[in-house]
Amino acid sequence: MTRSYENLDDLQGDLRKLSTLINVIEQKVFETPDIDEVGHLLWIARDLAEQIVTNSEDVCSSQNIVKQSRQKAN
């Protein structure tokens, strides 16, 4: 997981990781209904999703600052 996002590529990378994790959870649920394993994976997915939301707010904010600066310069 990316600690902070420098750009949208970092954000997209973490979104791909979350998507992969959710796919693994889905496979686990249907293959072996070990609720403890699934629960642990769901905790990881939740934490990653929360981190993505927090970090995406940062990158979106900085992208808007850059965009506004460029508009003012023109």
N, C-alpha and C. Protein backbone atom coordinates (compact mmCIF):
# COMPACT_ATOMS: atom_id res chain seq x y z
N MET A 1 0.83 -1.18 0.00
CA MET A 1 0.00 0.00 0.00
C MET A 1 0.88 1.24 0.00
N THR A 2 0.42 2.20 -0.69
CA THR A 2 1.13 3.46 -0.76
C THR A 2 0.85 4.27 0.50
N ARG A 3 1.91 4.83 1.10
CA ARG A 3 1.73 5.61 2.32
C ARG A 3 1.06 6.95 2.02
N SER A 4 1.47 7.60 0.97
CA SER A 4 0.82 8.84 0.54
C SER A 4 0.90 8.87 -0.98
N TYR A 5 -0.02 9.59 -1.57
CA TYR A 5 -0.08 9.62 -3.03
C TYR A 5 0.62 10.85 -3.56
N GLU A 6 1.56 10.61 -4.45
CA GLU A 6 2.24 11.70 -5.14
C GLU A 6 1.45 12.09 -6.39
N ASN A 7 0.75 11.11 -6.95
CA ASN A 7 -0.01 11.36 -8.18
C ASN A 7 -1.12 10.31 -8.31
N LEU A 8 -1.87 10.39 -9.38
CA LEU A 8 -2.98 9.48 -9.58
C LEU A 8 -2.53 8.05 -9.85
N ASP A 9 -1.31 7.85 -10.33
CA ASP A 9 -0.80 6.49 -10.55
C ASP A 9 -0.73 5.73 -9.23
N ASP A 10 -0.31 6.39 -8.16
CA ASP A 10 -0.26 5.76 -6.85
C ASP A 10 -1.65 5.34 -6.40
N LEU A 11 -2.61 6.22 -6.60
CA LEU A 11 -4.00 5.93 -6.23
C LEU A 11 -4.53 4.75 -7.02
N GLN A 12 -4.29 4.74 -8.32
CA GLN A 12 -4.76 3.65 -9.16
C GLN A 12 -4.10 2.33 -8.76
N GLY A 13 -2.84 2.37 -8.36
CA GLY A 13 -2.16 1.16 -7.91
C GLY A 13 -2.83 0.56 -6.69
N ASP A 14 -3.17 1.40 -5.72
CA ASP A 14 -3.85 0.89 -4.53
C ASP A 14 -5.26 0.42 -4.83
N LEU A 15 -5.93 1.06 -5.77
CA LEU A 15 -7.26 0.59 -6.16
C LEU A 15 -7.18 -0.79 -6.82
N ARG A 16 -6.13 -1.04 -7.61
CA ARG A 16 -5.94 -2.36 -8.21
C ARG A 16 -5.69 -3.41 -7.12
N LYS A 17 -4.89 -3.04 -6.10
CA LYS A 17 -4.63 -3.97 -4.99
C LYS A 17 -5.91 -4.30 -4.24
N LEU A 18 -6.74 -3.30 -4.00
CA LEU A 18 -8.01 -3.53 -3.30
C LEU A 18 -8.91 -4.43 -4.14
N SER A 19 -8.96 -4.21 -5.43
CA SER A 19 -9.77 -5.03 -6.32
C SER A 19 -9.30 -6.49 -6.27
N THR A 20 -8.00 -6.71 -6.30
CA THR A 20 -7.45 -8.06 -6.22
C THR A 20 -7.81 -8.71 -4.90
N LEU A 21 -7.69 -7.96 -3.81
CA LEU A 21 -8.02 -8.48 -2.49
C LEU A 21 -9.49 -8.89 -2.42
N ILE A 22 -10.36 -8.08 -2.95
CA ILE A 22 -11.80 -8.40 -2.94
C ILE A 22 -12.07 -9.65 -3.76
N ASN A 23 -11.38 -9.82 -4.88
CA ASN A 23 -11.53 -11.03 -5.68
C ASN A 23 -11.09 -12.27 -4.90
N VAL A 24 -10.00 -12.17 -4.16
CA VAL A 24 -9.52 -13.29 -3.35
C VAL A 24 -10.54 -13.63 -2.26
N ILE A 25 -11.09 -12.59 -1.62
CA ILE A 25 -12.10 -12.82 -0.59
C ILE A 25 -13.30 -13.55 -1.18
N GLU A 26 -13.73 -13.11 -2.34
CA GLU A 26 -14.88 -13.75 -3.00
C GLU A 26 -14.59 -15.22 -3.27
N GLN A 27 -13.40 -15.53 -3.77
CA GLN A 27 -13.03 -16.93 -4.04
C GLN A 27 -13.00 -17.74 -2.76
N LYS A 28 -12.45 -17.17 -1.69
CA LYS A 28 -12.39 -17.86 -0.40
C LYS A 28 -13.77 -18.20 0.12
N VAL A 29 -14.70 -17.27 -0.01
CA VAL A 29 -16.05 -17.48 0.50
C VAL A 29 -16.68 -18.70 -0.16
N PHE A 30 -16.47 -18.87 -1.46
CA PHE A 30 -17.12 -19.96 -2.18
C PHE A 30 -16.33 -21.26 -2.13
N GLU A 31 -14.99 -21.20 -1.96
CA GLU A 31 -14.17 -22.40 -1.91
C GLU A 31 -14.23 -23.07 -0.55
N THR A 32 -13.83 -22.34 0.47
CA THR A 32 -13.79 -22.89 1.83
C THR A 32 -14.41 -21.86 2.76
N PRO A 33 -15.54 -22.17 3.29
CA PRO A 33 -16.22 -21.19 4.14
C PRO A 33 -15.58 -21.07 5.53
N ASP A 34 -14.27 -20.76 5.57
CA ASP A 34 -13.57 -20.52 6.84
C ASP A 34 -13.80 -19.06 7.21
N ILE A 35 -14.80 -18.84 8.04
CA ILE A 35 -15.24 -17.48 8.34
C ILE A 35 -14.13 -16.64 8.98
N ASP A 36 -13.24 -17.26 9.74
CA ASP A 36 -12.15 -16.51 10.37
C ASP A 36 -11.21 -15.93 9.31
N GLU A 37 -10.85 -16.75 8.32
CA GLU A 37 -9.96 -16.27 7.25
C GLU A 37 -10.62 -15.15 6.47
N VAL A 38 -11.87 -15.34 6.13
CA VAL A 38 -12.61 -14.33 5.37
C VAL A 38 -12.71 -13.04 6.19
N GLY A 39 -12.99 -13.18 7.48
CA GLY A 39 -13.07 -12.01 8.35
C GLY A 39 -11.77 -11.22 8.39
N HIS A 40 -10.64 -11.93 8.47
CA HIS A 40 -9.34 -11.26 8.49
C HIS A 40 -9.10 -10.51 7.19
N LEU A 41 -9.43 -11.14 6.07
CA LEU A 41 -9.26 -10.49 4.77
C LEU A 41 -10.17 -9.27 4.64
N LEU A 42 -11.37 -9.37 5.18
CA LEU A 42 -12.29 -8.23 5.13
C LEU A 42 -11.77 -7.06 5.95
N TRP A 43 -11.14 -7.32 7.09
CA TRP A 43 -10.53 -6.25 7.89
C TRP A 43 -9.45 -5.55 7.08
N ILE A 44 -8.62 -6.33 6.39
CA ILE A 44 -7.55 -5.75 5.56
C ILE A 44 -8.17 -4.89 4.45
N ALA A 45 -9.20 -5.41 3.80
CA ALA A 45 -9.85 -4.65 2.72
C ALA A 45 -10.44 -3.35 3.24
N ARG A 46 -11.08 -3.41 4.41
CA ARG A 46 -11.67 -2.21 4.99
C ARG A 46 -10.60 -1.17 5.30
N ASP A 47 -9.49 -1.62 5.91
CA ASP A 47 -8.41 -0.69 6.24
C ASP A 47 -7.80 -0.06 4.99
N LEU A 48 -7.62 -0.88 3.95
CA LEU A 48 -7.07 -0.36 2.70
C LEU A 48 -8.03 0.64 2.07
N ALA A 49 -9.31 0.34 2.08
CA ALA A 49 -10.30 1.26 1.52
C ALA A 49 -10.30 2.59 2.26
N GLU A 50 -10.22 2.54 3.59
CA GLU A 50 -10.18 3.78 4.37
C GLU A 50 -8.92 4.59 4.05
N GLN A 51 -7.79 3.89 3.88
CA GLN A 51 -6.55 4.59 3.56
C GLN A 51 -6.64 5.22 2.16
N ILE A 52 -7.24 4.51 1.23
CA ILE A 52 -7.39 5.04 -0.13
C ILE A 52 -8.24 6.31 -0.10
N VAL A 53 -9.33 6.29 0.66
CA VAL A 53 -10.19 7.47 0.74
C VAL A 53 -9.41 8.66 1.30
N THR A 54 -8.70 8.44 2.39
CA THR A 54 -7.93 9.51 3.02
C THR A 54 -6.87 10.05 2.07
N ASN A 55 -6.11 9.15 1.47
CA ASN A 55 -5.02 9.58 0.59
C ASN A 55 -5.53 10.17 -0.71
N SER A 56 -6.68 9.70 -1.20
CA SER A 56 -7.20 10.26 -2.45
C SER A 56 -7.67 11.69 -2.25
N GLU A 57 -8.15 11.99 -1.05
CA GLU A 57 -8.52 13.37 -0.76
C GLU A 57 -7.30 14.27 -0.86
N ASP A 58 -6.16 13.79 -0.38
CA ASP A 58 -4.91 14.55 -0.46
C ASP A 58 -4.50 14.78 -1.90
N VAL A 59 -4.50 13.72 -2.71
CA VAL A 59 -4.03 13.87 -4.09
C VAL A 59 -5.01 14.71 -4.89
N CYS A 60 -6.30 14.57 -4.65
CA CYS A 60 -7.28 15.39 -5.37
C CYS A 60 -7.13 16.86 -5.00
N SER A 61 -6.87 17.10 -3.74
CA SER A 61 -6.67 18.47 -3.28
C SER A 61 -5.44 19.08 -3.95
N SER A 62 -4.35 18.33 -3.98
CA SER A 62 -3.14 18.88 -4.59
C SER A 62 -3.30 19.01 -6.10
N GLN A 63 -4.05 18.12 -6.74
CA GLN A 63 -4.32 18.24 -8.17
C GLN A 63 -5.13 19.50 -8.45
N ASN A 64 -6.09 19.80 -7.59
CA ASN A 64 -6.90 21.01 -7.76
C ASN A 64 -6.06 22.27 -7.57
N ILE A 65 -5.13 22.24 -6.63
CA ILE A 65 -4.24 23.38 -6.41
C ILE A 65 -3.40 23.63 -7.66
N VAL A 66 -2.85 22.56 -8.24
CA VAL A 66 -2.05 22.70 -9.45
C VAL A 66 -2.91 23.23 -10.59
N LYS A 67 -4.12 22.69 -10.72
CA LYS A 67 -5.03 23.12 -11.79
C LYS A 67 -5.39 24.60 -11.64
N GLN A 68 -5.70 25.02 -10.42
CA GLN A 68 -6.04 26.41 -10.17
C GLN A 68 -4.86 27.33 -10.45
N SER A 69 -3.66 26.90 -10.09
CA SER A 69 -2.46 27.70 -10.35
C SER A 69 -2.25 27.88 -11.84
N ARG A 70 -2.46 26.83 -12.60
CA ARG A 70 -2.29 26.90 -14.05
C ARG A 70 -3.33 27.83 -14.67
N GLN A 71 -4.56 27.78 -14.14
CA GLN A 71 -5.61 28.65 -14.68
C GLN A 71 -5.30 30.11 -14.39
N LYS A 72 -4.77 30.38 -13.21
CA LYS A 72 -4.42 31.77 -12.86
C LYS A 72 -3.27 32.27 -13.73
N ALA A 73 -2.36 31.39 -14.07
CA ALA A 73 -1.20 31.79 -14.87
C ALA A 73 -1.61 32.12 -16.32
N ASN A 74 -2.67 31.51 -16.77
CA ASN A 74 -3.13 31.75 -18.15
C ASN A 74 -4.02 32.94 -18.13
